[in-house]
Amino acid sequence: CKNLAEKGIKFCIVSNSNKKEKVKMV
């Protein structure tokens, strides 16, 4: 993620999980 972000690639996580803390932690 870090290497690609440094090259301008944008990221977003979209999860169906209702366990927000797990998704937030990742």
PDB file of all heavy atoms in Angstrom:
ATOM      1  N   CYS A   1       0.833  -1.215   0.000  1.00  0.00           N
ATOM      2  CA  CYS A   1       0.000   0.000   0.000  1.00  0.00           C
ATOM      3  C   CYS A   1       0.861   1.256   0.000  1.00  0.00           C
ATOM      4  O   CYS A   1       0.607   2.196  -0.759  1.00  0.00           O
ATOM      5  CB  CYS A   1      -0.935   0.021   1.208  1.00  0.00           C
ATOM      6  SG  CYS A   1      -2.358  -1.048   1.064  1.00  0.00           S
ATOM      7  N   LYS A   2       1.869   1.271   0.846  1.00  0.00           N
ATOM      8  CA  LYS A   2       2.734   2.443   0.954  1.00  0.00           C
ATOM      9  C   LYS A   2       3.442   2.720  -0.369  1.00  0.00           C
ATOM     10  O   LYS A   2       3.473   3.861  -0.839  1.00  0.00           O
ATOM     11  CB  LYS A   2       3.758   2.237   2.069  1.00  0.00           C
ATOM     12  CG  LYS A   2       4.667   3.422   2.286  1.00  0.00           C
ATOM     13  CD  LYS A   2       5.639   3.168   3.446  1.00  0.00           C
ATOM     14  CE  LYS A   2       6.491   4.393   3.650  1.00  0.00           C
ATOM     15  NZ  LYS A   2       7.892   4.155   3.539  1.00  0.00           N
ATOM     16  N   ASN A   3       4.010   1.695  -0.984  1.00  0.00           N
ATOM     17  CA  ASN A   3       4.720   1.876  -2.249  1.00  0.00           C
ATOM     18  C   ASN A   3       3.807   2.394  -3.352  1.00  0.00           C
ATOM     19  O   ASN A   3       4.187   3.291  -4.115  1.00  0.00           O
ATOM     20  CB  ASN A   3       5.376   0.561  -2.695  1.00  0.00           C
ATOM     21  CG  ASN A   3       6.553   0.178  -1.838  1.00  0.00           C
ATOM     22  OD1 ASN A   3       7.138   1.002  -1.137  1.00  0.00           O
ATOM     23  ND2 ASN A   3       6.906  -1.102  -1.875  1.00  0.00           N
ATOM     24  N   LEU A   4       2.612   1.856  -3.443  1.00  0.00           N
ATOM     25  CA  LEU A   4       1.691   2.309  -4.485  1.00  0.00           C
ATOM     26  C   LEU A   4       1.145   3.703  -4.188  1.00  0.00           C
ATOM     27  O   LEU A   4       0.982   4.512  -5.103  1.00  0.00           O
ATOM     28  CB  LEU A   4       0.562   1.305  -4.673  1.00  0.00           C
ATOM     29  CG  LEU A   4       0.980  -0.037  -5.282  1.00  0.00           C
ATOM     30  CD1 LEU A   4      -0.216  -0.965  -5.398  1.00  0.00           C
ATOM     31  CD2 LEU A   4       1.639   0.155  -6.641  1.00  0.00           C
ATOM     32  N   ALA A   5       0.888   3.993  -2.927  1.00  0.00           N
ATOM     33  CA  ALA A   5       0.409   5.320  -2.554  1.00  0.00           C
ATOM     34  C   ALA A   5       1.451   6.382  -2.902  1.00  0.00           C
ATOM     35  O   ALA A   5       1.096   7.477  -3.364  1.00  0.00           O
ATOM     36  CB  ALA A   5       0.058   5.366  -1.072  1.00  0.00           C
ATOM     37  N   GLU A   6       2.723   6.059  -2.717  1.00  0.00           N
ATOM     38  CA  GLU A   6       3.795   6.989  -3.072  1.00  0.00           C
ATOM     39  C   GLU A   6       3.836   7.252  -4.580  1.00  0.00           C
ATOM     40  O   GLU A   6       4.347   8.274  -5.018  1.00  0.00           O
ATOM     41  CB  GLU A   6       5.139   6.451  -2.604  1.00  0.00           C
ATOM     42  CG  GLU A   6       5.326   6.532  -1.104  1.00  0.00           C
ATOM     43  CD  GLU A   6       6.591   5.850  -0.600  1.00  0.00           C
ATOM     44  OE1 GLU A   6       7.301   5.184  -1.396  1.00  0.00           O
ATOM     45  OE2 GLU A   6       6.861   5.969   0.615  1.00  0.00           O
ATOM     46  N   LYS A   7       3.267   6.348  -5.362  1.00  0.00           N
ATOM     47  CA  LYS A   7       3.210   6.504  -6.823  1.00  0.00           C
ATOM     48  C   LYS A   7       1.884   7.109  -7.270  1.00  0.00           C
ATOM     49  O   LYS A   7       1.596   7.158  -8.458  1.00  0.00           O
ATOM     50  CB  LYS A   7       3.455   5.158  -7.487  1.00  0.00           C
ATOM     51  CG  LYS A   7       4.870   4.677  -7.236  1.00  0.00           C
ATOM     52  CD  LYS A   7       5.116   3.329  -7.807  1.00  0.00           C
ATOM     53  CE  LYS A   7       6.574   2.973  -7.479  1.00  0.00           C
ATOM     54  NZ  LYS A   7       6.912   1.633  -7.790  1.00  0.00           N
ATOM     55  N   GLY A   8       1.075   7.540  -6.295  1.00  0.00           N
ATOM     56  CA  GLY A   8      -0.169   8.239  -6.624  1.00  0.00           C
ATOM     57  C   GLY A   8      -1.415   7.375  -6.683  1.00  0.00           C
ATOM     58  O   GLY A   8      -2.492   7.874  -7.004  1.00  0.00           O
ATOM     59  N   ILE A   9      -1.307   6.101  -6.378  1.00  0.00           N
ATOM     60  CA  ILE A   9      -2.486   5.237  -6.377  1.00  0.00           C
ATOM     61  C   ILE A   9      -3.291   5.514  -5.106  1.00  0.00           C
ATOM     62  O   ILE A   9      -2.739   5.590  -4.021  1.00  0.00           O
ATOM     63  CB  ILE A   9      -2.094   3.746  -6.441  1.00  0.00           C
ATOM     64  CG1 ILE A   9      -1.277   3.454  -7.698  1.00  0.00           C
ATOM     65  CG2 ILE A   9      -3.323   2.842  -6.366  1.00  0.00           C
ATOM     66  CD1 ILE A   9      -1.993   3.734  -9.008  1.00  0.00           C
ATOM     67  N   LYS A  10      -4.596   5.664  -5.268  1.00  0.00           N
ATOM     68  CA  LYS A  10      -5.474   5.920  -4.132  1.00  0.00           C
ATOM     69  C   LYS A  10      -6.153   4.620  -3.725  1.00  0.00           C
ATOM     70  O   LYS A  10      -6.422   3.757  -4.559  1.00  0.00           O
ATOM     71  CB  LYS A  10      -6.506   6.973  -4.500  1.00  0.00           C
ATOM     72  CG  LYS A  10      -5.846   8.298  -4.792  1.00  0.00           C
ATOM     73  CD  LYS A  10      -6.838   9.353  -5.101  1.00  0.00           C
ATOM     74  CE  LYS A  10      -6.061  10.628  -5.408  1.00  0.00           C
ATOM     75  NZ  LYS A  10      -6.877  11.760  -5.554  1.00  0.00           N
ATOM     76  N   PHE A  11      -6.420   4.500  -2.437  1.00  0.00           N
ATOM     77  CA  PHE A  11      -7.027   3.300  -1.876  1.00  0.00           C
ATOM     78  C   PHE A  11      -8.251   3.649  -1.037  1.00  0.00           C
ATOM     79  O   PHE A  11      -8.325   4.728  -0.458  1.00  0.00           O
ATOM     80  CB  PHE A  11      -6.043   2.590  -0.934  1.00  0.00           C
ATOM     81  CG  PHE A  11      -4.868   1.971  -1.608  1.00  0.00           C
ATOM     82  CD1 PHE A  11      -3.670   2.656  -1.709  1.00  0.00           C
ATOM     83  CD2 PHE A  11      -4.949   0.693  -2.123  1.00  0.00           C
ATOM     84  CE1 PHE A  11      -2.572   2.087  -2.316  1.00  0.00           C
ATOM     85  CE2 PHE A  11      -3.855   0.109  -2.732  1.00  0.00           C
ATOM     86  CZ  PHE A  11      -2.667   0.804  -2.827  1.00  0.00           C
ATOM     87  N   CYS A  12      -9.160   2.693  -0.960  1.00  0.00           N
ATOM     88  CA  CYS A  12     -10.258   2.752   0.006  1.00  0.00           C
ATOM     89  C   CYS A  12     -10.682   1.316   0.282  1.00  0.00           C
ATOM     90  O   CYS A  12     -10.721   0.484  -0.629  1.00  0.00           O
ATOM     91  CB  CYS A  12     -11.437   3.548  -0.541  1.00  0.00           C
ATOM     92  SG  CYS A  12     -12.740   3.826   0.698  1.00  0.00           S
ATOM     93  N   ILE A  13     -10.971   1.030   1.531  1.00  0.00           N
ATOM     94  CA  ILE A  13     -11.512  -0.271   1.910  1.00  0.00           C
ATOM     95  C   ILE A  13     -13.030  -0.151   1.953  1.00  0.00           C
ATOM     96  O   ILE A  13     -13.565   0.777   2.544  1.00  0.00           O
ATOM     97  CB  ILE A  13     -11.000  -0.702   3.300  1.00  0.00           C
ATOM     98  CG1 ILE A  13      -9.496  -0.940   3.274  1.00  0.00           C
ATOM     99  CG2 ILE A  13     -11.749  -1.939   3.792  1.00  0.00           C
ATOM    100  CD1 ILE A  13      -8.881  -1.174   4.641  1.00  0.00           C
ATOM    101  N   VAL A  14     -13.707  -1.086   1.304  1.00  0.00           N
ATOM    102  CA  VAL A  14     -15.158  -1.201   1.413  1.00  0.00           C
ATOM    103  C   VAL A  14     -15.442  -2.614   1.900  1.00  0.00           C
ATOM    104  O   VAL A  14     -15.161  -3.583   1.199  1.00  0.00           O
ATOM    105  CB  VAL A  14     -15.870  -0.943   0.065  1.00  0.00           C
ATOM    106  CG1 VAL A  14     -17.372  -1.120   0.218  1.00  0.00           C
ATOM    107  CG2 VAL A  14     -15.554   0.452  -0.463  1.00  0.00           C
ATOM    108  N   SER A  15     -15.968  -2.696   3.095  1.00  0.00           N
ATOM    109  CA  SER A  15     -16.214  -3.997   3.716  1.00  0.00           C
ATOM    110  C   SER A  15     -17.693  -4.149   4.041  1.00  0.00           C
ATOM    111  O   SER A  15     -18.353  -3.182   4.411  1.00  0.00           O
ATOM    112  CB  SER A  15     -15.396  -4.116   5.004  1.00  0.00           C
ATOM    113  OG  SER A  15     -15.705  -5.320   5.663  1.00  0.00           O
ATOM    114  N   ASN A  16     -18.188  -5.345   3.904  1.00  0.00           N
ATOM    115  CA  ASN A  16     -19.563  -5.630   4.329  1.00  0.00           C
ATOM    116  C   ASN A  16     -19.648  -5.913   5.819  1.00  0.00           C
ATOM    117  O   ASN A  16     -20.735  -6.065   6.359  1.00  0.00           O
ATOM    118  CB  ASN A  16     -20.124  -6.830   3.559  1.00  0.00           C
ATOM    119  CG  ASN A  16     -20.586  -6.446   2.177  1.00  0.00           C
ATOM    120  OD1 ASN A  16     -20.711  -5.275   1.852  1.00  0.00           O
ATOM    121  ND2 ASN A  16     -20.820  -7.438   1.345  1.00  0.00           N
ATOM    122  N   SER A  17     -18.518  -5.966   6.467  1.00  0.00           N
ATOM    123  CA  SER A  17     -18.490  -6.280   7.892  1.00  0.00           C
ATOM    124  C   SER A  17     -19.214  -5.214   8.706  1.00  0.00           C
ATOM    125  O   SER A  17     -19.055  -4.023   8.474  1.00  0.00           O
ATOM    126  CB  SER A  17     -17.042  -6.393   8.376  1.00  0.00           C
ATOM    127  OG  SER A  17     -17.015  -6.638   9.762  1.00  0.00           O
ATOM    128  N   ASN A  18     -19.991  -5.679   9.664  1.00  0.00           N
ATOM    129  CA  ASN A  18     -20.606  -4.735  10.591  1.00  0.00           C
ATOM    130  C   ASN A  18     -19.729  -4.560  11.830  1.00  0.00           C
ATOM    131  O   ASN A  18     -20.115  -3.912  12.779  1.00  0.00           O
ATOM    132  CB  ASN A  18     -22.024  -5.177  10.961  1.00  0.00           C
ATOM    133  CG  ASN A  18     -22.069  -6.545  11.604  1.00  0.00           C
ATOM    134  OD1 ASN A  18     -21.034  -7.186  11.798  1.00  0.00           O
ATOM    135  ND2 ASN A  18     -23.261  -7.003  11.923  1.00  0.00           N
ATOM    136  N   LYS A  19     -18.530  -5.143  11.791  1.00  0.00           N
ATOM    137  CA  LYS A  19     -17.559  -4.993  12.878  1.00  0.00           C
ATOM    138  C   LYS A  19     -16.635  -3.834  12.532  1.00  0.00           C
ATOM    139  O   LYS A  19     -15.519  -4.008  12.047  1.00  0.00           O
ATOM    140  CB  LYS A  19     -16.786  -6.297  13.074  1.00  0.00           C
ATOM    141  CG  LYS A  19     -17.681  -7.427  13.501  1.00  0.00           C
ATOM    142  CD  LYS A  19     -16.931  -8.718  13.623  1.00  0.00           C
ATOM    143  CE  LYS A  19     -17.921  -9.818  14.016  1.00  0.00           C
ATOM    144  NZ  LYS A  19     -17.347 -11.130  13.904  1.00  0.00           N
ATOM    145  N   LYS A  20     -17.129  -2.633  12.775  1.00  0.00           N
ATOM    146  CA  LYS A  20     -16.420  -1.419  12.387  1.00  0.00           C
ATOM    147  C   LYS A  20     -15.007  -1.360  12.951  1.00  0.00           C
ATOM    148  O   LYS A  20     -14.085  -0.918  12.275  1.00  0.00           O
ATOM    149  CB  LYS A  20     -17.218  -0.187  12.819  1.00  0.00           C
ATOM    150  CG  LYS A  20     -16.606   1.108  12.357  1.00  0.00           C
ATOM    151  CD  LYS A  20     -17.452   2.306  12.733  1.00  0.00           C
ATOM    152  CE  LYS A  20     -16.792   3.586  12.254  1.00  0.00           C
ATOM    153  NZ  LYS A  20     -17.587   4.758  12.555  1.00  0.00           N
ATOM    154  N   GLU A  21     -14.813  -1.808  14.186  1.00  0.00           N
ATOM    155  CA  GLU A  21     -13.486  -1.733  14.806  1.00  0.00           C
ATOM    156  C   GLU A  21     -12.456  -2.572  14.050  1.00  0.00           C
ATOM    157  O   GLU A  21     -11.305  -2.182  13.936  1.00  0.00           O
ATOM    158  CB  GLU A  21     -13.555  -2.149  16.277  1.00  0.00           C
ATOM    159  CG  GLU A  21     -14.234  -1.112  17.159  1.00  0.00           C
ATOM    160  CD  GLU A  21     -13.605   0.272  17.049  1.00  0.00           C
ATOM    161  OE1 GLU A  21     -12.366   0.392  17.132  1.00  0.00           O
ATOM    162  OE2 GLU A  21     -14.366   1.236  16.877  1.00  0.00           O
ATOM    163  N   LYS A  22     -12.878  -3.727  13.542  1.00  0.00           N
ATOM    164  CA  LYS A  22     -11.964  -4.572  12.766  1.00  0.00           C
ATOM    165  C   LYS A  22     -11.550  -3.861  11.478  1.00  0.00           C
ATOM    166  O   LYS A  22     -10.361  -3.797  11.149  1.00  0.00           O
ATOM    167  CB  LYS A  22     -12.629  -5.910  12.428  1.00  0.00           C
ATOM    168  CG  LYS A  22     -11.783  -6.791  11.518  1.00  0.00           C
ATOM    169  CD  LYS A  22     -12.432  -8.126  11.240  1.00  0.00           C
ATOM    170  CE  LYS A  22     -13.588  -7.981  10.290  1.00  0.00           C
ATOM    171  NZ  LYS A  22     -14.145  -9.272   9.852  1.00  0.00           N
ATOM    172  N   VAL A  23     -12.508  -3.304  10.775  1.00  0.00           N
ATOM    173  CA  VAL A  23     -12.231  -2.608   9.525  1.00  0.00           C
ATOM    174  C   VAL A  23     -11.367  -1.374   9.798  1.00  0.00           C
ATOM    175  O   VAL A  23     -10.390  -1.118   9.090  1.00  0.00           O
ATOM    176  CB  VAL A  23     -13.545  -2.214   8.811  1.00  0.00           C
ATOM    177  CG1 VAL A  23     -13.265  -1.466   7.521  1.00  0.00           C
ATOM    178  CG2 VAL A  23     -14.395  -3.459   8.541  1.00  0.00           C
ATOM    179  N   LYS A  24     -11.708  -0.629  10.839  1.00  0.00           N
ATOM    180  CA  LYS A  24     -10.950   0.557  11.218  1.00  0.00           C
ATOM    181  C   LYS A  24      -9.504   0.205  11.559  1.00  0.00           C
ATOM    182  O   LYS A  24      -8.575   0.897  11.137  1.00  0.00           O
ATOM    183  CB  LYS A  24     -11.617   1.236  12.412  1.00  0.00           C
ATOM    184  CG  LYS A  24     -10.914   2.485  12.882  1.00  0.00           C
ATOM    185  CD  LYS A  24     -11.640   3.093  14.074  1.00  0.00           C
ATOM    186  CE  LYS A  24     -10.893   4.312  14.583  1.00  0.00           C
ATOM    187  NZ  LYS A  24     -11.535   4.877  15.769  1.00  0.00           N
ATOM    188  N   MET A  25      -9.296  -0.888  12.276  1.00  0.00           N
ATOM    189  CA  MET A  25      -7.954  -1.314  12.667  1.00  0.00           C
ATOM    190  C   MET A  25      -7.095  -1.595  11.435  1.00  0.00           C
ATOM    191  O   MET A  25      -5.959  -1.151  11.340  1.00  0.00           O
ATOM    192  CB  MET A  25      -8.033  -2.564  13.549  1.00  0.00           C
ATOM    193  CG  MET A  25      -6.704  -3.080  14.052  1.00  0.00           C
ATOM    194  SD  MET A  25      -6.017  -4.566  13.267  1.00  0.00           S
ATOM    195  CE  MET A  25      -7.348  -5.622  12.899  1.00  0.00           C
ATOM    196  N   VAL A  26      -7.645  -2.308  10.470  1.00  0.00           N
ATOM    197  CA  VAL A  26      -6.901  -2.617   9.238  1.00  0.00           C
ATOM    198  C   VAL A  26      -6.606  -1.332   8.471  1.00  0.00           C
ATOM    199  O   VAL A  26      -5.481  -1.102   8.035  1.00  0.00           O
ATOM    200  CB  VAL A  26      -7.682  -3.619   8.363  1.00  0.00           C
ATOM    201  CG1 VAL A  26      -7.006  -3.798   7.010  1.00  0.00           C
ATOM    202  CG2 VAL A  26      -7.813  -4.952   9.075  1.00  0.00           C
TER     203      VAL A  26
END
